Amino acid sequence: MNGMSLPVENAHVFANDLSVVTVANALLACHARGADGETMLRLCERLLTVTERELLERERKMMVAGDPDLATHVRRHGDVLFTLGQQVRNGRRGAAPLSPTFIRFVGSMLERM
């Protein structure tokens, strides 16, 4: 990474009330611009937080509605949260920059939203 910090126009990404789409788009944009590792870690942490919140809310609504596919969705949601959590752990350990696989994963999250 080239040491660039988070552009001021993306500072809103660290606000408390955001969607997965907003944070994922900001993460992809900052990655494309070559943002520094700390910025990318903060974006990954935020993405994990908002994704967990949104998925739990979806599961709650599915449970209330008696959706028969709830168990399948809970497993899929667990897989998503595991992958995001793993990236955050790697980032905190100072691991290598975001992998192309992780960037594709975030892109696929956006497609499914």
PDB file of N, CA and C in Angstrom:
ATOM      1  N   MET A   1       0.848  -1.172   0.000  1.00  0.00           N
ATOM      2  CA  MET A   1       0.000   0.000   0.000  1.00  0.00           C
ATOM      3  C   MET A   1       0.891   1.232   0.000  1.00  0.00           C
ATOM      4  N   ASN A   2       0.356   2.328  -0.440  1.00  0.00           N
ATOM      5  CA  ASN A   2       1.214   3.475  -0.642  1.00  0.00           C
ATOM      6  C   ASN A   2       1.187   4.502   0.480  1.00  0.00           C
ATOM      7  N   GLY A   3       0.581   4.184   1.623  1.00  0.00           N
ATOM      8  CA  GLY A   3       0.591   5.089   2.752  1.00  0.00           C
ATOM      9  C   GLY A   3      -0.481   6.164   2.701  1.00  0.00           C
ATOM     10  N   MET A   4      -1.361   6.110   1.731  1.00  0.00           N
ATOM     11  CA  MET A   4      -2.438   7.097   1.659  1.00  0.00           C
ATOM     12  C   MET A   4      -3.390   6.887   2.818  1.00  0.00           C
ATOM     13  N   SER A   5      -3.902   7.963   3.373  1.00  0.00           N
ATOM     14  CA  SER A   5      -4.891   7.834   4.428  1.00  0.00           C
ATOM     15  C   SER A   5      -6.283   7.959   3.826  1.00  0.00           C
ATOM     16  N   LEU A   6      -7.270   7.765   4.664  1.00  0.00           N
ATOM     17  CA  LEU A   6      -8.660   7.807   4.221  1.00  0.00           C
ATOM     18  C   LEU A   6      -9.003   9.183   3.668  1.00  0.00           C
ATOM     19  N   PRO A   7      -9.507   9.244   2.447  1.00  0.00           N
ATOM     20  CA  PRO A   7      -9.908  10.535   1.891  1.00  0.00           C
ATOM     21  C   PRO A   7     -11.019  11.161   2.724  1.00  0.00           C
ATOM     22  N   VAL A   8     -10.979  12.465   2.866  1.00  0.00           N
ATOM     23  CA  VAL A   8     -11.959  13.175   3.678  1.00  0.00           C
ATOM     24  C   VAL A   8     -13.374  12.884   3.221  1.00  0.00           C
ATOM     25  N   GLU A   9     -13.601  12.740   1.922  1.00  0.00           N
ATOM     26  CA  GLU A   9     -14.961  12.492   1.438  1.00  0.00           C
ATOM     27  C   GLU A   9     -15.503  11.141   1.888  1.00  0.00           C
ATOM     28  N   ASN A  10     -14.634  10.226   2.358  1.00  0.00           N
ATOM     29  CA  ASN A  10     -15.084   8.930   2.857  1.00  0.00           C
ATOM     30  C   ASN A  10     -15.103   8.863   4.375  1.00  0.00           C
ATOM     31  N   ALA A  11     -14.858   9.962   5.047  1.00  0.00           N
ATOM     32  CA  ALA A  11     -14.830   9.965   6.505  1.00  0.00           C
ATOM     33  C   ALA A  11     -16.175   9.551   7.097  1.00  0.00           C
ATOM     34  N   HIS A  12     -17.270   9.769   6.374  1.00  0.00           N
ATOM     35  CA  HIS A  12     -18.597   9.382   6.864  1.00  0.00           C
ATOM     36  C   HIS A  12     -18.704   7.884   7.114  1.00  0.00           C
ATOM     37  N   VAL A  13     -17.795   7.103   6.571  1.00  0.00           N
ATOM     38  CA  VAL A  13     -17.852   5.653   6.722  1.00  0.00           C
ATOM     39  C   VAL A  13     -17.658   5.239   8.168  1.00  0.00           C
ATOM     40  N   PHE A  14     -17.078   6.098   8.970  1.00  0.00           N
ATOM     41  CA  PHE A  14     -16.840   5.737  10.354  1.00  0.00           C
ATOM     42  C   PHE A  14     -17.956   6.201  11.282  1.00  0.00           C
ATOM     43  N   ALA A  15     -19.007   6.741  10.732  1.00  0.00           N
ATOM     44  CA  ALA A  15     -20.174   7.100  11.528  1.00  0.00           C
ATOM     45  C   ALA A  15     -20.854   5.823  12.012  1.00  0.00           C
ATOM     46  N   ASN A  16     -21.738   5.936  12.970  1.00  0.00           N
ATOM     47  CA  ASN A  16     -22.347   4.760  13.595  1.00  0.00           C
ATOM     48  C   ASN A  16     -23.483   4.141  12.795  1.00  0.00           C
ATOM     49  N   ASP A  17     -24.218   4.911  12.032  1.00  0.00           N
ATOM     50  CA  ASP A  17     -25.429   4.417  11.397  1.00  0.00           C
ATOM     51  C   ASP A  17     -25.209   4.247   9.894  1.00  0.00           C
ATOM     52  N   LEU A  18     -24.617   3.129   9.512  1.00  0.00           N
ATOM     53  CA  LEU A  18     -24.296   2.888   8.115  1.00  0.00           C
ATOM     54  C   LEU A  18     -24.814   1.532   7.678  1.00  0.00           C
ATOM     55  N   SER A  19     -24.876   1.349   6.375  1.00  0.00           N
ATOM     56  CA  SER A  19     -25.303   0.066   5.834  1.00  0.00           C
ATOM     57  C   SER A  19     -24.098  -0.715   5.343  1.00  0.00           C
ATOM     58  N   VAL A  20     -24.294  -2.002   5.151  1.00  0.00           N
ATOM     59  CA  VAL A  20     -23.257  -2.865   4.597  1.00  0.00           C
ATOM     60  C   VAL A  20     -22.829  -2.333   3.232  1.00  0.00           C
ATOM     61  N   VAL A  21     -23.791  -1.925   2.424  1.00  0.00           N
ATOM     62  CA  VAL A  21     -23.485  -1.443   1.078  1.00  0.00           C
ATOM     63  C   VAL A  21     -22.573  -0.214   1.141  1.00  0.00           C
ATOM     64  N   THR A  22     -22.874   0.726   2.009  1.00  0.00           N
ATOM     65  CA  THR A  22     -22.074   1.943   2.135  1.00  0.00           C
ATOM     66  C   THR A  22     -20.637   1.618   2.530  1.00  0.00           C
ATOM     67  N   VAL A  23     -20.484   0.786   3.540  1.00  0.00           N
ATOM     68  CA  VAL A  23     -19.144   0.466   4.036  1.00  0.00           C
ATOM     69  C   VAL A  23     -18.379  -0.387   3.028  1.00  0.00           C
ATOM     70  N   ALA A  24     -19.044  -1.367   2.437  1.00  0.00           N
ATOM     71  CA  ALA A  24     -18.370  -2.217   1.448  1.00  0.00           C
ATOM     72  C   ALA A  24     -17.909  -1.394   0.251  1.00  0.00           C
ATOM     73  N   ASN A  25     -18.744  -0.481  -0.219  1.00  0.00           N
ATOM     74  CA  ASN A  25     -18.348   0.395  -1.329  1.00  0.00           C
ATOM     75  C   ASN A  25     -17.152   1.266  -0.946  1.00  0.00           C
ATOM     76  N   ALA A  26     -17.165   1.795   0.263  1.00  0.00           N
ATOM     77  CA  ALA A  26     -16.040   2.620   0.721  1.00  0.00           C
ATOM     78  C   ALA A  26     -14.768   1.787   0.825  1.00  0.00           C
ATOM     79  N   LEU A  27     -14.882   0.566   1.327  1.00  0.00           N
ATOM     80  CA  LEU A  27     -13.723  -0.311   1.430  1.00  0.00           C
ATOM     81  C   LEU A  27     -13.138  -0.583   0.048  1.00  0.00           C
ATOM     82  N   LEU A  28     -13.982  -0.923  -0.902  1.00  0.00           N
ATOM     83  CA  LEU A  28     -13.504  -1.204  -2.257  1.00  0.00           C
ATOM     84  C   LEU A  28     -12.880   0.034  -2.892  1.00  0.00           C
ATOM     85  N   ALA A  29     -13.485   1.197  -2.679  1.00  0.00           N
ATOM     86  CA  ALA A  29     -12.945   2.435  -3.247  1.00  0.00           C
ATOM     87  C   ALA A  29     -11.595   2.775  -2.633  1.00  0.00           C
ATOM     88  N   CYS A  30     -11.481   2.635  -1.325  1.00  0.00           N
ATOM     89  CA  CYS A  30     -10.209   2.938  -0.665  1.00  0.00           C
ATOM     90  C   CYS A  30      -9.136   1.935  -1.078  1.00  0.00           C
ATOM     91  N   HIS A  31      -9.513   0.686  -1.225  1.00  0.00           N
ATOM     92  CA  HIS A  31      -8.558  -0.324  -1.690  1.00  0.00           C
ATOM     93  C   HIS A  31      -8.056   0.033  -3.091  1.00  0.00           C
ATOM     94  N   ALA A  32      -8.967   0.434  -3.960  1.00  0.00           N
ATOM     95  CA  ALA A  32      -8.598   0.787  -5.326  1.00  0.00           C
ATOM     96  C   ALA A  32      -7.655   1.994  -5.359  1.00  0.00           C
ATOM     97  N   ARG A  33      -7.802   2.883  -4.393  1.00  0.00           N
ATOM     98  CA  ARG A  33      -6.943   4.072  -4.321  1.00  0.00           C
ATOM     99  C   ARG A  33      -5.621   3.792  -3.613  1.00  0.00           C
ATOM    100  N   GLY A  34      -5.478   2.596  -3.042  1.00  0.00           N
ATOM    101  CA  GLY A  34      -4.242   2.261  -2.342  1.00  0.00           C
ATOM    102  C   GLY A  34      -4.157   2.832  -0.944  1.00  0.00           C
ATOM    103  N   ALA A  35      -5.275   2.855  -0.236  1.00  0.00           N
ATOM    104  CA  ALA A  35      -5.297   3.389   1.129  1.00  0.00           C
ATOM    105  C   ALA A  35      -4.348   2.594   2.024  1.00  0.00           C
ATOM    106  N   ASP A  36      -3.901   3.229   3.086  1.00  0.00           N
ATOM    107  CA  ASP A  36      -2.957   2.601   4.006  1.00  0.00           C
ATOM    108  C   ASP A  36      -3.615   1.457   4.787  1.00  0.00           C
ATOM    109  N   GLY A  37      -2.784   0.634   5.391  1.00  0.00           N
ATOM    110  CA  GLY A  37      -3.253  -0.542   6.119  1.00  0.00           C
ATOM    111  C   GLY A  37      -4.173  -0.221   7.279  1.00  0.00           C
ATOM    112  N   GLU A  38      -3.900   0.848   8.000  1.00  0.00           N
ATOM    113  CA  GLU A  38      -4.749   1.228   9.135  1.00  0.00           C
ATOM    114  C   GLU A  38      -6.154   1.600   8.669  1.00  0.00           C
ATOM    115  N   THR A  39      -6.233   2.331   7.590  1.00  0.00           N
ATOM    116  CA  THR A  39      -7.545   2.694   7.032  1.00  0.00           C
ATOM    117  C   THR A  39      -8.296   1.442   6.611  1.00  0.00           C
ATOM    118  N   MET A  40      -7.604   0.541   5.940  1.00  0.00           N
ATOM    119  CA  MET A  40      -8.263  -0.680   5.481  1.00  0.00           C
ATOM    120  C   MET A  40      -8.726  -1.531   6.661  1.00  0.00           C
ATOM    121  N   LEU A  41      -7.920  -1.592   7.713  1.00  0.00           N
ATOM    122  CA  LEU A  41      -8.318  -2.338   8.909  1.00  0.00           C
ATOM    123  C   LEU A  41      -9.561  -1.712   9.523  1.00  0.00           C
ATOM    124  N   ARG A  42      -9.574  -0.394   9.648  1.00  0.00           N
ATOM    125  CA  ARG A  42     -10.748   0.271  10.225  1.00  0.00           C
ATOM    126  C   ARG A  42     -11.996   0.016   9.381  1.00  0.00           C
ATOM    127  N   LEU A  43     -11.848   0.017   8.070  1.00  0.00           N
ATOM    128  CA  LEU A  43     -12.990  -0.268   7.202  1.00  0.00           C
ATOM    129  C   LEU A  43     -13.446  -1.721   7.348  1.00  0.00           C
ATOM    130  N   CYS A  44     -12.516  -2.645   7.466  1.00  0.00           N
ATOM    131  CA  CYS A  44     -12.885  -4.047   7.671  1.00  0.00           C
ATOM    132  C   CYS A  44     -13.603  -4.232   9.005  1.00  0.00           C
ATOM    133  N   GLU A  45     -13.114  -3.555  10.043  1.00  0.00           N
ATOM    134  CA  GLU A  45     -13.779  -3.620  11.355  1.00  0.00           C
ATOM    135  C   GLU A  45     -15.194  -3.064  11.266  1.00  0.00           C
ATOM    136  N   ARG A  46     -15.347  -1.941  10.576  1.00  0.00           N
ATOM    137  CA  ARG A  46     -16.677  -1.338  10.430  1.00  0.00           C
ATOM    138  C   ARG A  46     -17.590  -2.244   9.613  1.00  0.00           C
ATOM    139  N   LEU A  47     -17.041  -2.839   8.560  1.00  0.00           N
ATOM    140  CA  LEU A  47     -17.844  -3.746   7.733  1.00  0.00           C
ATOM    141  C   LEU A  47     -18.319  -4.938   8.560  1.00  0.00           C
ATOM    142  N   LEU A  48     -17.458  -5.481   9.390  1.00  0.00           N
ATOM    143  CA  LEU A  48     -17.853  -6.588  10.266  1.00  0.00           C
ATOM    144  C   LEU A  48     -18.979  -6.151  11.199  1.00  0.00           C
ATOM    145  N   THR A  49     -18.844  -4.982  11.797  1.00  0.00           N
ATOM    146  CA  THR A  49     -19.845  -4.493  12.745  1.00  0.00           C
ATOM    147  C   THR A  49     -21.204  -4.273  12.083  1.00  0.00           C
ATOM    148  N   VAL A  50     -21.232  -3.573  10.957  1.00  0.00           N
ATOM    149  CA  VAL A  50     -22.524  -3.281  10.325  1.00  0.00           C
ATOM    150  C   VAL A  50     -23.124  -4.538   9.694  1.00  0.00           C
ATOM    151  N   THR A  51     -22.284  -5.430   9.203  1.00  0.00           N
ATOM    152  CA  THR A  51     -22.798  -6.679   8.630  1.00  0.00           C
ATOM    153  C   THR A  51     -23.437  -7.523   9.715  1.00  0.00           C
ATOM    154  N   GLU A  52     -22.773  -7.627  10.852  1.00  0.00           N
ATOM    155  CA  GLU A  52     -23.338  -8.395  11.959  1.00  0.00           C
ATOM    156  C   GLU A  52     -24.681  -7.826  12.377  1.00  0.00           C
ATOM    157  N   ARG A  53     -24.757  -6.507  12.493  1.00  0.00           N
ATOM    158  CA  ARG A  53     -26.010  -5.854  12.894  1.00  0.00           C
ATOM    159  C   ARG A  53     -27.120  -6.124  11.874  1.00  0.00           C
ATOM    160  N   GLU A  54     -26.803  -5.948  10.580  1.00  0.00           N
ATOM    161  CA  GLU A  54     -27.823  -6.148   9.547  1.00  0.00           C
ATOM    162  C   GLU A  54     -28.264  -7.604   9.453  1.00  0.00           C
ATOM    163  N   LEU A  55     -27.321  -8.532   9.559  1.00  0.00           N
ATOM    164  CA  LEU A  55     -27.696  -9.940   9.450  1.00  0.00           C
ATOM    165  C   LEU A  55     -28.522 -10.393  10.645  1.00  0.00           C
ATOM    166  N   LEU A  56     -28.178  -9.917  11.833  1.00  0.00           N
ATOM    167  CA  LEU A  56     -28.980 -10.255  13.010  1.00  0.00           C
ATOM    168  C   LEU A  56     -30.400  -9.715  12.881  1.00  0.00           C
ATOM    169  N   GLU A  57     -30.532  -8.524  12.330  1.00  0.00           N
ATOM    170  CA  GLU A  57     -31.866  -7.943  12.125  1.00  0.00           C
ATOM    171  C   GLU A  57     -32.654  -8.766  11.101  1.00  0.00           C
ATOM    172  N   ARG A  58     -32.003  -9.190  10.039  1.00  0.00           N
ATOM    173  CA  ARG A  58     -32.676 -10.047   9.047  1.00  0.00           C
ATOM    174  C   ARG A  58     -33.132 -11.354   9.686  1.00  0.00           C
ATOM    175  N   GLU A  59     -32.253 -11.945  10.486  1.00  0.00           N
ATOM    176  CA  GLU A  59     -32.606 -13.209  11.140  1.00  0.00           C
ATOM    177  C   GLU A  59     -33.782 -13.022  12.093  1.00  0.00           C
ATOM    178  N   ARG A  60     -33.794 -11.906  12.811  1.00  0.00           N
ATOM    179  CA  ARG A  60     -34.901 -11.633  13.725  1.00  0.00           C
ATOM    180  C   ARG A  60     -36.211 -11.542  12.963  1.00  0.00           C
ATOM    181  N   LYS A  61     -36.187 -10.819  11.838  1.00  0.00           N
ATOM    182  CA  LYS A  61     -37.398 -10.681  11.029  1.00  0.00           C
ATOM    183  C   LYS A  61     -37.833 -12.031  10.461  1.00  0.00           C
ATOM    184  N   MET A  62     -36.881 -12.838  10.049  1.00  0.00           N
ATOM    185  CA  MET A  62     -37.205 -14.164   9.518  1.00  0.00           C
ATOM    186  C   MET A  62     -37.826 -15.043  10.605  1.00  0.00           C
ATOM    187  N   MET A  63     -37.283 -14.927  11.823  1.00  0.00           N
ATOM    188  CA  MET A  63     -37.802 -15.726  12.926  1.00  0.00           C
ATOM    189  C   MET A  63     -39.241 -15.318  13.243  1.00  0.00           C
ATOM    190  N   VAL A  64     -39.480 -14.015  13.307  1.00  0.00           N
ATOM    191  CA  VAL A  64     -40.824 -13.506  13.589  1.00  0.00           C
ATOM    192  C   VAL A  64     -41.806 -13.970  12.523  1.00  0.00           C
ATOM    193  N   ALA A  65     -41.361 -13.977  11.272  1.00  0.00           N
ATOM    194  CA  ALA A  65     -42.219 -14.385  10.161  1.00  0.00           C
ATOM    195  C   ALA A  65     -42.363 -15.899  10.055  1.00  0.00           C
ATOM    196  N   GLY A  66     -41.576 -16.630  10.831  1.00  0.00           N
ATOM    197  CA  GLY A  66     -41.635 -18.087  10.748  1.00  0.00           C
ATOM    198  C   GLY A  66     -41.043 -18.640   9.462  1.00  0.00           C
ATOM    199  N   ASP A  67     -40.060 -17.965   8.914  1.00  0.00           N
ATOM    200  CA  ASP A  67     -39.436 -18.378   7.656  1.00  0.00           C
ATOM    201  C   ASP A  67     -38.784 -19.755   7.808  1.00  0.00           C
ATOM    202  N   PRO A  68     -39.169 -20.714   6.972  1.00  0.00           N
ATOM    203  CA  PRO A  68     -38.613 -22.063   7.085  1.00  0.00           C
ATOM    204  C   PRO A  68     -37.135 -22.155   6.659  1.00  0.00           C
ATOM    205  N   ASP A  69     -36.626 -21.129   5.994  1.00  0.00           N
ATOM    206  CA  ASP A  69     -35.227 -21.128   5.555  1.00  0.00           C
ATOM    207  C   ASP A  69     -34.296 -20.433   6.548  1.00  0.00           C
ATOM    208  N   LEU A  70     -34.786 -20.134   7.731  1.00  0.00           N
ATOM    209  CA  LEU A  70     -33.988 -19.410   8.714  1.00  0.00           C
ATOM    210  C   LEU A  70     -32.676 -20.128   9.020  1.00  0.00           C
ATOM    211  N   ALA A  71     -32.704 -21.413   9.258  1.00  0.00           N
ATOM    212  CA  ALA A  71     -31.480 -22.144   9.612  1.00  0.00           C
ATOM    213  C   ALA A  71     -30.434 -22.058   8.507  1.00  0.00           C
ATOM    214  N   THR A  72     -30.868 -22.139   7.267  1.00  0.00           N
ATOM    215  CA  THR A  72     -29.943 -22.026   6.136  1.00  0.00           C
ATOM    216  C   THR A  72     -29.307 -20.643   6.108  1.00  0.00           C
ATOM    217  N   HIS A  73     -30.116 -19.624   6.319  1.00  0.00           N
ATOM    218  CA  HIS A  73     -29.591 -18.257   6.314  1.00  0.00           C
ATOM    219  C   HIS A  73     -28.642 -18.020   7.483  1.00  0.00           C
ATOM    220  N   VAL A  74     -28.962 -18.563   8.640  1.00  0.00           N
ATOM    221  CA  VAL A  74     -28.086 -18.398   9.800  1.00  0.00           C
ATOM    222  C   VAL A  74     -26.711 -19.007   9.508  1.00  0.00           C
ATOM    223  N   ARG A  75     -26.673 -20.174   8.879  1.00  0.00           N
ATOM    224  CA  ARG A  75     -25.389 -20.794   8.514  1.00  0.00           C
ATOM    225  C   ARG A  75     -24.631 -19.928   7.517  1.00  0.00           C
ATOM    226  N   ARG A  76     -25.310 -19.432   6.512  1.00  0.00           N
ATOM    227  CA  ARG A  76     -24.659 -18.564   5.512  1.00  0.00           C
ATOM    228  C   ARG A  76     -24.151 -17.275   6.155  1.00  0.00           C
ATOM    229  N   HIS A  77     -24.968 -16.699   7.020  1.00  0.00           N
ATOM    230  CA  HIS A  77     -24.562 -15.486   7.716  1.00  0.00           C
ATOM    231  C   HIS A  77     -23.330 -15.757   8.576  1.00  0.00           C
ATOM    232  N   GLY A  78     -23.300 -16.907   9.221  1.00  0.00           N
ATOM    233  CA  GLY A  78     -22.133 -17.287  10.021  1.00  0.00           C
ATOM    234  C   GLY A  78     -20.879 -17.360   9.173  1.00  0.00           C
ATOM    235  N   ASP A  79     -21.010 -17.898   7.967  1.00  0.00           N
ATOM    236  CA  ASP A  79     -19.861 -17.983   7.056  1.00  0.00           C
ATOM    237  C   ASP A  79     -19.357 -16.592   6.676  1.00  0.00           C
ATOM    238  N   VAL A  80     -20.282 -15.687   6.402  1.00  0.00           N
ATOM    239  CA  VAL A  80     -19.910 -14.312   6.045  1.00  0.00           C
ATOM    240  C   VAL A  80     -19.188 -13.655   7.215  1.00  0.00           C
ATOM    241  N   LEU A  81     -19.756 -13.772   8.407  1.00  0.00           N
ATOM    242  CA  LEU A  81     -19.158 -13.142   9.581  1.00  0.00           C
ATOM    243  C   LEU A  81     -17.802 -13.765   9.915  1.00  0.00           C
ATOM    244  N   PHE A  82     -17.661 -15.064   9.699  1.00  0.00           N
ATOM    245  CA  PHE A  82     -16.373 -15.720   9.924  1.00  0.00           C
ATOM    246  C   PHE A  82     -15.305 -15.140   8.997  1.00  0.00           C
ATOM    247  N   THR A  83     -15.641 -15.005   7.724  1.00  0.00           N
ATOM    248  CA  THR A  83     -14.681 -14.475   6.747  1.00  0.00           C
ATOM    249  C   THR A  83     -14.295 -13.037   7.088  1.00  0.00           C
ATOM    250  N   LEU A  84     -15.276 -12.210   7.425  1.00  0.00           N
ATOM    251  CA  LEU A  84     -14.979 -10.824   7.791  1.00  0.00           C
ATOM    252  C   LEU A  84     -14.144 -10.762   9.076  1.00  0.00           C
ATOM    253  N   GLY A  85     -14.512 -11.575  10.045  1.00  0.00           N
ATOM    254  CA  GLY A  85     -13.768 -11.609  11.309  1.00  0.00           C
ATOM    255  C   GLY A  85     -12.334 -12.074  11.119  1.00  0.00           C
ATOM    256  N   GLN A  86     -12.149 -13.036  10.245  1.00  0.00           N
ATOM    257  CA  GLN A  86     -10.808 -13.535   9.954  1.00  0.00           C
ATOM    258  C   GLN A  86      -9.949 -12.426   9.343  1.00  0.00           C
ATOM    259  N   GLN A  87     -10.530 -11.636   8.441  1.00  0.00           N
ATOM    260  CA  GLN A  87      -9.784 -10.532   7.833  1.00  0.00           C
ATOM    261  C   GLN A  87      -9.413  -9.489   8.883  1.00  0.00           C
ATOM    262  N   VAL A  88     -10.329  -9.197   9.793  1.00  0.00           N
ATOM    263  CA  VAL A  88     -10.042  -8.238  10.859  1.00  0.00           C
ATOM    264  C   VAL A  88      -8.904  -8.764  11.735  1.00  0.00           C
ATOM    265  N   ARG A  89      -8.956 -10.028  12.124  1.00  0.00           N
ATOM    266  CA  ARG A  89      -7.877 -10.614  12.939  1.00  0.00           C
ATOM    267  C   ARG A  89      -6.545 -10.533  12.207  1.00  0.00           C
ATOM    268  N   ASN A  90      -6.555 -10.858  10.919  1.00  0.00           N
ATOM    269  CA  ASN A  90      -5.321 -10.782  10.132  1.00  0.00           C
ATOM    270  C   ASN A  90      -4.794  -9.350  10.079  1.00  0.00           C
ATOM    271  N   GLY A  91      -5.692  -8.397   9.901  1.00  0.00           N
ATOM    272  CA  GLY A  91      -5.295  -6.994   9.850  1.00  0.00           C
ATOM    273  C   GLY A  91      -4.710  -6.517  11.164  1.00  0.00           C
ATOM    274  N   ARG A  92      -5.265  -6.968  12.264  1.00  0.00           N
ATOM    275  CA  ARG A  92      -4.756  -6.571  13.587  1.00  0.00           C
ATOM    276  C   ARG A  92      -3.372  -7.160  13.852  1.00  0.00           C
ATOM    277  N   ARG A  93      -3.091  -8.287  13.249  1.00  0.00           N
ATOM    278  CA  ARG A  93      -1.768  -8.902  13.399  1.00  0.00           C
ATOM    279  C   ARG A  93      -0.759  -8.294  12.441  1.00  0.00           C
ATOM    280  N   GLY A  94      -1.203  -7.347  11.643  1.00  0.00           N
ATOM    281  CA  GLY A  94      -0.309  -6.698  10.700  1.00  0.00           C
ATOM    282  C   GLY A  94      -0.010  -7.558   9.494  1.00  0.00           C
ATOM    283  N   ALA A  95      -0.940  -8.432   9.146  1.00  0.00           N
ATOM    284  CA  ALA A  95      -0.756  -9.328   8.006  1.00  0.00           C
ATOM    285  C   ALA A  95      -0.681  -8.530   6.705  1.00  0.00           C
ATOM    286  N   ALA A  96      -0.467  -9.233   5.639  1.00  0.00           N
ATOM    287  CA  ALA A  96      -0.326  -8.646   4.307  1.00  0.00           C
ATOM    288  C   ALA A  96      -1.567  -7.840   3.922  1.00  0.00           C
ATOM    289  N   PRO A  97      -1.448  -7.003   2.892  1.00  0.00           N
ATOM    290  CA  PRO A  97      -2.605  -6.241   2.405  1.00  0.00           C
ATOM    291  C   PRO A  97      -3.768  -7.169   2.042  1.00  0.00           C
ATOM    292  N   LEU A  98      -4.930  -6.578   1.867  1.00  0.00           N
ATOM    293  CA  LEU A  98      -6.117  -7.366   1.539  1.00  0.00           C
ATOM    294  C   LEU A  98      -5.864  -8.194   0.282  1.00  0.00           C
ATOM    295  N   SER A  99      -6.244  -9.441   0.371  1.00  0.00           N
ATOM    296  CA  SER A  99      -6.033 -10.347  -0.758  1.00  0.00           C
ATOM    297  C   SER A  99      -7.069 -10.102  -1.849  1.00  0.00           C
ATOM    298  N   PRO A 100      -6.732 -10.454  -3.077  1.00  0.00           N
ATOM    299  CA  PRO A 100      -7.728 -10.360  -4.159  1.00  0.00           C
ATOM    300  C   PRO A 100      -8.965 -11.205  -3.859  1.00  0.00           C
ATOM    301  N   THR A 101      -8.776 -12.325  -3.169  1.00  0.00           N
ATOM    302  CA  THR A 101      -9.909 -13.181  -2.801  1.00  0.00           C
ATOM    303  C   THR A 101     -10.863 -12.442  -1.870  1.00  0.00           C
ATOM    304  N   PHE A 102     -10.311 -11.737  -0.885  1.00  0.00           N
ATOM    305  CA  PHE A 102     -11.165 -10.990   0.039  1.00  0.00           C
ATOM    306  C   PHE A 102     -11.878  -9.847  -0.683  1.00  0.00           C
ATOM    307  N   ILE A 103     -11.186  -9.158  -1.566  1.00  0.00           N
ATOM    308  CA  ILE A 103     -11.809  -8.064  -2.329  1.00  0.00           C
ATOM    309  C   ILE A 103     -12.955  -8.612  -3.177  1.00  0.00           C
ATOM    310  N   ARG A 104     -12.768  -9.779  -3.799  1.00  0.00           N
ATOM    311  CA  ARG A 104     -13.866 -10.406  -4.571  1.00  0.00           C
ATOM    312  C   ARG A 104     -15.020 -10.781  -3.646  1.00  0.00           C
ATOM    313  N   PHE A 105     -14.701 -11.258  -2.443  1.00  0.00           N
ATOM    314  CA  PHE A 105     -15.726 -11.611  -1.465  1.00  0.00           C
ATOM    315  C   PHE A 105     -16.581 -10.387  -1.123  1.00  0.00           C
ATOM    316  N   VAL A 106     -15.925  -9.260  -0.877  1.00  0.00           N
ATOM    317  CA  VAL A 106     -16.662  -8.029  -0.558  1.00  0.00           C
ATOM    318  C   VAL A 106     -17.518  -7.615  -1.759  1.00  0.00           C
ATOM    319  N   GLY A 107     -16.973  -7.718  -2.959  1.00  0.00           N
ATOM    320  CA  GLY A 107     -17.745  -7.410  -4.155  1.00  0.00           C
ATOM    321  C   GLY A 107     -18.960  -8.304  -4.297  1.00  0.00           C
ATOM    322  N   SER A 108     -18.803  -9.584  -3.974  1.00  0.00           N
ATOM    323  CA  SER A 108     -19.938 -10.499  -4.068  1.00  0.00           C
ATOM    324  C   SER A 108     -20.985 -10.194  -2.992  1.00  0.00           C
ATOM    325  N   MET A 109     -20.541  -9.691  -1.841  1.00  0.00           N
ATOM    326  CA  MET A 109     -21.496  -9.267  -0.809  1.00  0.00           C
ATOM    327  C   MET A 109     -22.403  -8.177  -1.373  1.00  0.00           C
ATOM    328  N   LEU A 110     -21.790  -7.239  -2.084  1.00  0.00           N
ATOM    329  CA  LEU A 110     -22.567  -6.139  -2.658  1.00  0.00           C
ATOM    330  C   LEU A 110     -23.571  -6.643  -3.676  1.00  0.00           C
ATOM    331  N   GLU A 111     -23.166  -7.605  -4.472  1.00  0.00           N
ATOM    332  CA  GLU A 111     -24.070  -8.150  -5.489  1.00  0.00           C
ATOM    333  C   GLU A 111     -25.283  -8.827  -4.851  1.00  0.00           C
ATOM    334  N   ARG A 112     -25.091  -9.422  -3.687  1.00  0.00           N
ATOM    335  CA  ARG A 112     -26.177 -10.138  -3.021  1.00  0.00           C
ATOM    336  C   ARG A 112     -27.084  -9.229  -2.206  1.00  0.00           C
ATOM    337  N   MET A 113     -26.662  -7.991  -1.985  1.00  0.00           N
ATOM    338  CA  MET A 113     -27.462  -7.071  -1.150  1.00  0.00           C
ATOM    339  C   MET A 113     -28.592  -6.474  -1.953  1.00  0.00           C
TER     340      MET A 113
END
